[in-house]
């Protein structure tokens, strides 16, 4: 068995909730735990949720592939680098004040960072720029406005916004519509919206799929994908605009402008390789990313939903291919016309 720092082991022993404790104890005893063991031995039908429970306690996990009892490749989890442990525990949010909201409005205006539109000040609420479940609150000092954004609580989209600060002092002191406040229990986890290749999935299926990937906020200028790097993820743009560029002789050429509902990296699901272009956020964006192995686990665990998902990706690839053919025909015609061959 691998040796771990005592501080890391103390953190592992401090976890008492049954599901993450099961994962931790098994890895400590055997080095890793497979999705097959989580389902067959422990009865957890949703292994990524169990792994996420561990990560939410600040304990890093790595996902890798192993051979199952039937010879198929399945997912497995082992501890990541113990030096990357987040020792800060999430024991409740810090109350977010009216003064903090006024600072954000002075800095950004009454703009919703989810819809990227100007909104009525009364319906904008304070949200952590990095999701609370990822980074917690800095209880040791003054809250910095740069760590927060403003977002909108709204019925059609509340389920897939990042976790919002529904327990802030400002929220409870102001006159917020009843339909907004009634959503508070549902705002614990981000969920996928019915956009792009997910349009045919049911709400329950999207909720399940959400936890197989990860939601990632990206600041303006962030490089989501770097040309030449190994790439085996699918990216779905929830909000924001991304530019796909190629670099040659230190000059970047814009290939296309990706907007919400569009995806990146879908070809690498079928043929993993190196990224053929760089993708850069042009404004604050919210992205959902899933690896090839985690997507395979979802398809194996939920065959019917997996079939709908693969059909959606196939339709997406077909649209891309038709669009490329149309552009090629237009370019070919333009070249012929330019040469005077009619």
Protein backbone atom coordinates (compact mmCIF):
# COMPACT_ATOMS: atom_id res chain seq x y z
CA UNK A 1 0.00 0.00 0.00
CA UNK A 2 1.22 3.51 -0.79
CA UNK A 3 2.46 5.67 2.07
CA UNK A 4 0.68 8.98 2.66
CA UNK A 5 1.53 12.01 4.84
CA UNK A 6 -0.01 11.87 8.32
CA UNK A 7 -1.88 15.12 7.64
CA UNK A 8 -3.51 13.49 4.61
CA UNK A 9 -4.45 10.39 6.61
CA UNK A 10 -5.95 12.54 9.34
CA UNK A 11 -8.16 14.22 6.76
CA UNK A 12 -9.22 10.80 5.43
CA UNK A 13 -10.06 9.60 8.93
CA UNK A 14 -12.09 12.74 9.61
CA UNK A 15 -14.63 11.77 6.93
CA UNK A 16 -17.57 10.02 8.61
CA UNK A 17 -20.30 10.12 5.94
CA UNK A 18 -20.90 6.56 4.76
CA UNK A 19 -20.48 6.90 0.98
CA UNK A 20 -17.20 8.88 0.83
CA UNK A 21 -15.85 6.92 3.81
CA UNK A 22 -16.48 3.67 1.90
CA UNK A 23 -14.49 4.94 -1.07
CA UNK A 24 -11.65 6.26 1.09
CA UNK A 25 -11.34 3.10 3.23
CA UNK A 26 -11.31 0.85 0.14
CA UNK A 27 -8.59 2.89 -1.57
CA UNK A 28 -6.50 2.94 1.61
CA UNK A 29 -6.77 -0.85 1.80
CA UNK A 30 -6.44 -1.75 -1.89
CA UNK A 31 -4.87 1.22 -3.67
CA UNK A 32 -7.91 1.98 -5.86
CA UNK A 33 -11.61 1.26 -6.27
CA UNK A 34 -13.41 0.47 -9.53
CA UNK A 35 -16.87 1.47 -10.70
CA UNK A 36 -17.66 -2.26 -10.76
CA UNK A 37 -16.79 -2.57 -7.05
CA UNK A 38 -18.78 0.51 -6.16
CA UNK A 39 -21.85 -0.97 -7.85
CA UNK A 40 -21.46 -4.69 -7.17
CA UNK A 41 -19.79 -4.74 -3.76
CA UNK A 42 -21.18 -1.61 -2.15
CA UNK A 43 -24.43 -1.05 -4.05
CA UNK A 44 -23.69 2.48 -5.29
CA UNK A 45 -25.29 2.66 -8.74
CA UNK A 46 -23.77 6.07 -9.47
CA UNK A 47 -19.98 5.79 -8.93
CA UNK A 48 -19.11 9.37 -10.05
CA UNK A 49 -21.36 10.70 -7.30
CA UNK A 50 -19.45 8.66 -4.72
CA UNK A 51 -16.14 9.94 -6.11
CA UNK A 52 -17.42 13.49 -6.06
CA UNK A 53 -18.36 13.09 -2.38
CA UNK A 54 -14.70 12.34 -1.64
CA UNK A 55 -13.45 15.30 -3.67
CA UNK A 56 -15.89 17.61 -1.89
CA UNK A 57 -14.08 16.78 1.35
CA UNK A 58 -10.91 18.22 -0.20
CA UNK A 59 -9.34 14.83 -1.03
CA UNK A 60 -7.96 14.62 -4.59
CA UNK A 61 -8.96 11.61 -6.71
CA UNK A 62 -7.65 10.52 -10.10
CA UNK A 63 -9.74 8.62 -12.63
CA UNK A 64 -8.06 5.93 -14.72
CA UNK A 65 -9.03 2.80 -16.70
CA UNK A 66 -8.80 -0.84 -15.64
CA UNK A 67 -10.08 -4.14 -16.99
CA UNK A 68 -13.36 -5.38 -15.52
CA UNK A 69 -14.21 -9.00 -14.70
CA UNK A 70 -15.84 -9.34 -18.14
CA UNK A 71 -12.79 -8.00 -19.96
CA UNK A 72 -14.25 -4.56 -20.68
CA UNK A 73 -12.47 -1.34 -19.78
CA UNK A 74 -14.09 0.49 -16.86
CA UNK A 75 -13.30 3.48 -14.67
CA UNK A 76 -11.41 3.35 -11.37
CA UNK A 77 -10.40 5.89 -8.74
CA UNK A 78 -7.23 6.34 -6.71
CA UNK A 79 -5.87 9.15 -4.56
CA UNK A 80 -4.25 12.05 -6.36
CA UNK A 81 -1.32 14.12 -5.19
CA UNK A 82 -1.67 14.52 -1.38
CA UNK A 83 -0.03 17.96 -1.63
CA UNK A 84 -3.13 19.16 -3.50
CA UNK A 85 -5.42 18.49 -0.55
CA UNK A 86 -7.80 21.34 0.24
CA UNK A 87 -7.68 21.43 4.05
CA UNK A 88 -10.25 24.20 4.26
CA UNK A 89 -13.57 22.60 5.29
CA UNK A 90 -16.86 23.85 3.96
CA UNK A 91 -18.87 24.49 7.11
CA UNK A 92 -21.34 26.99 5.72
CA UNK A 93 -21.32 30.12 3.63
CA UNK A 94 -20.32 33.54 4.83
CA UNK A 95 -23.26 35.95 4.77
CA UNK A 96 -22.99 38.16 1.70
CA UNK A 97 -23.91 41.76 2.44
CA UNK A 98 -25.73 44.51 0.64
CA UNK A 99 -22.45 46.47 0.61
CA UNK A 100 -20.75 43.67 -1.36
CA UNK A 101 -23.54 43.75 -3.93
CA UNK A 102 -23.17 47.52 -4.26
CA UNK A 103 -19.44 47.05 -4.90
CA UNK A 104 -20.20 44.52 -7.65
CA UNK A 105 -22.74 46.84 -9.29
CA UNK A 106 -20.25 49.71 -9.16
CA UNK A 107 -17.61 47.45 -10.75
CA UNK A 108 -19.68 45.64 -13.41
CA UNK A 109 -23.02 47.43 -13.59
CA UNK A 110 -26.33 45.55 -13.23
CA UNK A 111 -25.13 42.71 -15.46
CA UNK A 112 -26.03 39.04 -15.04
CA UNK A 113 -22.94 36.89 -15.59
CA UNK A 114 -25.15 33.93 -16.55
CA UNK A 115 -27.15 35.60 -19.33
CA UNK A 116 -24.58 38.36 -20.00
CA UNK A 117 -27.37 40.95 -20.08
CA UNK A 118 -28.34 44.04 -18.10
CA UNK A 119 -30.92 43.14 -15.42
CA UNK A 120 -33.04 44.85 -12.79
CA UNK A 121 -30.89 45.31 -9.68
CA UNK A 122 -33.58 43.74 -7.47
CA UNK A 123 -33.35 40.30 -9.08
CA UNK A 124 -29.57 40.06 -9.27
CA UNK A 125 -28.00 37.96 -6.52
CA UNK A 126 -24.40 37.46 -5.41
CA UNK A 127 -22.65 34.28 -6.57
CA UNK A 128 -19.14 32.96 -5.97
CA UNK A 129 -17.01 33.39 -9.09
CA UNK A 130 -15.49 29.97 -8.40
CA UNK A 131 -18.37 27.68 -7.28
CA UNK A 132 -18.72 27.55 -3.48
CA UNK A 133 -18.46 23.74 -3.40
CA UNK A 134 -15.06 24.00 -5.11
CA UNK A 135 -13.43 26.83 -3.17
CA UNK A 136 -15.57 27.49 -0.09
CA UNK A 137 -15.34 30.87 1.65
CA UNK A 138 -12.25 32.58 2.94
CA UNK A 139 -13.27 32.94 6.57
CA UNK A 140 -9.97 34.48 7.56
CA UNK A 141 -10.31 37.90 5.93
CA UNK A 142 -12.51 40.45 4.23
CA UNK A 143 -14.56 39.25 1.27
CA UNK A 144 -13.13 40.56 -2.00
CA UNK A 145 -15.56 41.71 -4.70
CA UNK A 146 -13.24 40.15 -7.31
CA UNK A 147 -14.19 36.72 -5.93
CA UNK A 148 -17.88 37.18 -6.72
CA UNK A 149 -20.25 37.83 -9.61
CA UNK A 150 -23.91 38.78 -9.98
CA UNK A 151 -26.43 36.24 -11.31
CA UNK A 152 -30.16 35.88 -11.88
CA UNK A 153 -32.51 33.44 -10.14
CA UNK A 154 -35.06 32.46 -12.79
CA UNK A 155 -37.44 29.52 -13.10
CA UNK A 156 -36.46 28.20 -16.58
CA UNK A 157 -32.72 28.23 -15.97
CA UNK A 158 -32.15 28.03 -12.21
CA UNK A 159 -31.31 24.32 -12.35
CA UNK A 160 -28.16 24.83 -14.38
CA UNK A 161 -26.73 27.97 -12.88
CA UNK A 162 -23.73 27.55 -10.65
CA UNK A 163 -24.68 27.30 -6.95
CA UNK A 164 -25.97 30.70 -5.88
CA UNK A 165 -25.81 32.39 -2.51
CA UNK A 166 -29.49 32.04 -1.62
CA UNK A 167 -28.67 32.39 2.08
CA UNK A 168 -26.99 35.79 1.87
CA UNK A 169 -28.17 38.57 4.18
CA UNK A 170 -29.03 40.74 1.22
CA UNK A 171 -31.24 38.06 -0.34
CA UNK A 172 -33.35 37.68 2.76
CA UNK A 173 -33.67 41.38 3.50
CA UNK A 174 -34.88 42.39 0.06
CA UNK A 175 -38.18 41.97 -1.71
CA UNK A 176 -37.45 38.94 -3.92
CA UNK A 177 -40.36 37.30 -5.81
CA UNK A 178 -41.78 34.17 -4.16
CA UNK A 179 -41.03 32.06 -7.23
CA UNK A 180 -37.37 32.97 -6.86
CA UNK A 181 -36.99 32.17 -3.18
CA UNK A 182 -38.89 28.88 -3.56
CA UNK A 183 -36.06 27.60 -5.74
CA UNK A 184 -33.50 27.67 -2.93
CA UNK A 185 -33.51 23.88 -2.22
CA UNK A 186 -32.82 23.14 -5.88
CA UNK A 187 -29.73 25.32 -6.19
CA UNK A 188 -27.25 22.96 -4.55
CA UNK A 189 -25.57 21.58 -7.66
CA UNK A 190 -25.13 22.84 -11.22
CA UNK A 191 -27.03 20.87 -13.84
CA UNK A 192 -26.96 20.69 -17.62
CA UNK A 193 -29.49 22.70 -19.64
CA UNK A 194 -31.45 21.28 -22.62
CA UNK A 195 -29.19 22.81 -25.26
CA UNK A 196 -27.12 21.52 -28.17
CA UNK A 197 -26.75 17.74 -28.32
CA UNK A 198 -28.56 17.41 -24.96
CA UNK A 199 -31.92 18.65 -26.23
CA UNK A 200 -33.39 15.14 -26.55
CA UNK A 201 -32.36 14.01 -23.05
CA UNK A 202 -34.91 14.12 -20.24
CA UNK A 203 -34.36 16.36 -17.23
CA UNK A 204 -33.52 13.33 -15.07
CA UNK A 205 -30.99 12.06 -17.62
CA UNK A 206 -29.31 15.48 -17.84
CA UNK A 207 -29.13 15.60 -14.06
CA UNK A 208 -27.39 12.22 -13.99
CA UNK A 209 -25.03 13.17 -16.81
CA UNK A 210 -24.07 16.43 -15.06
CA UNK A 211 -22.12 14.69 -12.33
CA UNK A 212 -20.11 12.59 -14.80
CA UNK A 213 -18.37 15.77 -15.96
CA UNK A 214 -17.36 19.01 -14.32
CA UNK A 215 -18.56 22.60 -14.60
CA UNK A 216 -15.71 25.03 -15.17
CA UNK A 217 -15.86 28.84 -15.04
CA UNK A 218 -13.45 30.59 -17.42
CA UNK A 219 -12.31 34.19 -17.20
CA UNK A 220 -11.78 36.29 -20.32
CA UNK A 221 -8.50 35.27 -21.95
CA UNK A 222 -8.44 31.77 -20.44
CA UNK A 223 -7.17 29.11 -22.85
CA UNK A 224 -9.62 26.21 -22.52
CA UNK A 225 -7.81 24.00 -25.05
CA UNK A 226 -4.23 24.50 -26.25
CA UNK A 227 -3.19 23.50 -29.76
CA UNK A 228 -0.91 20.46 -29.73
CA UNK A 229 -1.89 19.26 -26.25
CA UNK A 230 -3.35 15.79 -25.72
CA UNK A 231 -7.12 16.08 -25.90
CA UNK A 232 -9.74 13.52 -24.88
CA UNK A 233 -12.55 15.71 -23.49
CA UNK A 234 -15.84 16.97 -24.82
CA UNK A 235 -16.70 20.59 -23.92
CA UNK A 236 -20.21 22.09 -23.90
CA UNK A 237 -20.52 25.87 -23.74
CA UNK A 238 -23.20 26.86 -21.22
CA UNK A 239 -22.67 30.61 -21.50
CA UNK A 240 -20.14 33.01 -22.96
CA UNK A 241 -18.27 33.24 -26.26
CA UNK A 242 -15.12 31.28 -27.15
CA UNK A 243 -12.78 31.78 -30.11
CA UNK A 244 -11.20 28.80 -31.87
CA UNK A 245 -7.85 29.89 -33.33
CA UNK A 246 -4.81 28.44 -35.09
CA UNK A 247 -1.36 29.87 -34.54
CA UNK A 248 1.26 30.12 -37.26
CA UNK A 249 4.41 32.25 -37.25
CA UNK A 250 3.26 33.78 -33.95
CA UNK A 251 0.06 34.99 -35.63
CA UNK A 252 -3.36 33.72 -34.56
CA UNK A 253 -6.09 33.13 -37.16
CA UNK A 254 -9.72 32.95 -36.05
CA UNK A 255 -11.35 29.75 -37.34
CA UNK A 256 -14.76 30.14 -35.76
CA UNK A 257 -16.68 31.71 -32.94
CA UNK A 258 -18.28 29.21 -30.55
CA UNK A 259 -21.40 30.28 -28.64
CA UNK A 260 -23.69 28.69 -25.97
CA UNK A 261 -25.02 25.27 -26.96
CA UNK A 262 -22.02 24.49 -29.16
CA UNK A 263 -19.42 21.84 -28.37
CA UNK A 264 -15.69 21.38 -28.77
CA UNK A 265 -13.60 18.21 -28.93
CA UNK A 266 -16.37 15.80 -29.95
CA UNK A 267 -14.12 14.06 -32.53
CA UNK A 268 -11.70 13.13 -29.76
CA UNK A 269 -14.40 10.99 -28.15
CA UNK A 270 -14.00 8.59 -31.05
CA UNK A 271 -10.37 9.16 -31.97
CA UNK A 272 -8.34 10.70 -29.11
CA UNK A 273 -5.42 12.79 -30.26
CA UNK A 274 -3.83 16.20 -29.98
CA UNK A 275 -5.82 19.41 -30.13
CA UNK A 276 -5.79 20.91 -33.62
CA UNK A 277 -6.56 24.44 -32.43
CA UNK A 278 -6.52 26.67 -29.36
CA UNK A 279 -9.78 27.74 -27.71
CA UNK A 280 -9.83 31.07 -25.83
CA UNK A 281 -12.63 32.60 -23.73
CA UNK A 282 -13.58 36.04 -25.07
CA UNK A 283 -15.63 36.86 -21.96
CA UNK A 284 -16.59 35.19 -18.70
CA UNK A 285 -17.90 31.75 -19.70
CA UNK A 286 -19.39 28.66 -18.08
CA UNK A 287 -18.32 25.33 -19.59
CA UNK A 288 -19.13 21.70 -18.89
CA UNK A 289 -16.34 19.23 -19.59
CA UNK A 290 -16.49 15.42 -19.66
CA UNK A 291 -13.73 12.91 -20.39
CA UNK A 292 -14.05 10.05 -22.84
CA UNK A 293 -13.82 7.45 -20.06
CA UNK A 294 -16.47 9.13 -17.89
CA UNK A 295 -18.81 9.41 -20.87
CA UNK A 296 -18.32 5.69 -21.55
CA UNK A 297 -19.22 4.98 -17.91
CA UNK A 298 -22.45 6.97 -18.32
CA UNK A 299 -23.39 5.10 -21.50
CA UNK A 300 -22.70 1.74 -19.81
CA UNK A 301 -24.62 2.67 -16.66
CA UNK A 302 -27.65 4.16 -18.47
CA UNK A 303 -27.91 2.50 -21.92
CA UNK A 304 -31.17 4.19 -23.00
CA UNK A 305 -30.01 7.68 -22.07
CA UNK A 306 -26.59 6.83 -23.50
CA UNK A 307 -28.16 5.91 -26.84
CA UNK A 308 -29.95 9.27 -26.97
CA UNK A 309 -26.73 11.03 -26.06
CA UNK A 310 -24.74 9.31 -28.83
CA UNK A 311 -27.51 10.11 -31.34
CA UNK A 312 -27.25 13.75 -30.31
CA UNK A 313 -23.48 13.73 -30.82
CA UNK A 314 -23.92 11.97 -34.20
CA UNK A 315 -26.39 14.63 -35.34
CA UNK A 316 -23.94 17.29 -34.22
CA UNK A 317 -21.11 15.73 -36.26
CA UNK A 318 -23.41 15.43 -39.28
CA UNK A 319 -24.30 19.13 -39.09
CA UNK A 320 -20.63 20.03 -38.84
CA UNK A 321 -19.80 17.89 -41.87
CA UNK A 322 -22.63 19.41 -43.95
CA UNK A 323 -21.52 22.91 -42.99
CA UNK A 324 -17.94 22.12 -44.01
CA UNK A 325 -19.14 20.76 -47.35
CA UNK A 326 -21.20 23.88 -47.98
CA UNK A 327 -18.24 26.14 -47.18
CA UNK A 328 -16.00 24.08 -49.46
CA UNK A 329 -18.51 24.37 -52.32
CA UNK A 330 -18.77 28.13 -51.80
CA UNK A 331 -14.99 28.46 -51.78
CA UNK A 332 -14.66 26.30 -54.89
CA UNK A 333 -17.28 28.40 -56.72
CA UNK A 334 -15.58 31.63 -55.67
CA UNK A 335 -12.23 30.37 -56.99
CA UNK A 336 -13.78 29.37 -60.31
CA UNK A 337 -15.58 32.71 -60.66
CA UNK A 338 -12.40 34.57 -59.80
CA UNK A 339 -10.47 32.69 -62.48
CA UNK A 340 -13.17 33.46 -65.03
CA UNK A 341 -14.02 29.80 -65.66
CA UNK A 342 -17.76 29.93 -66.25
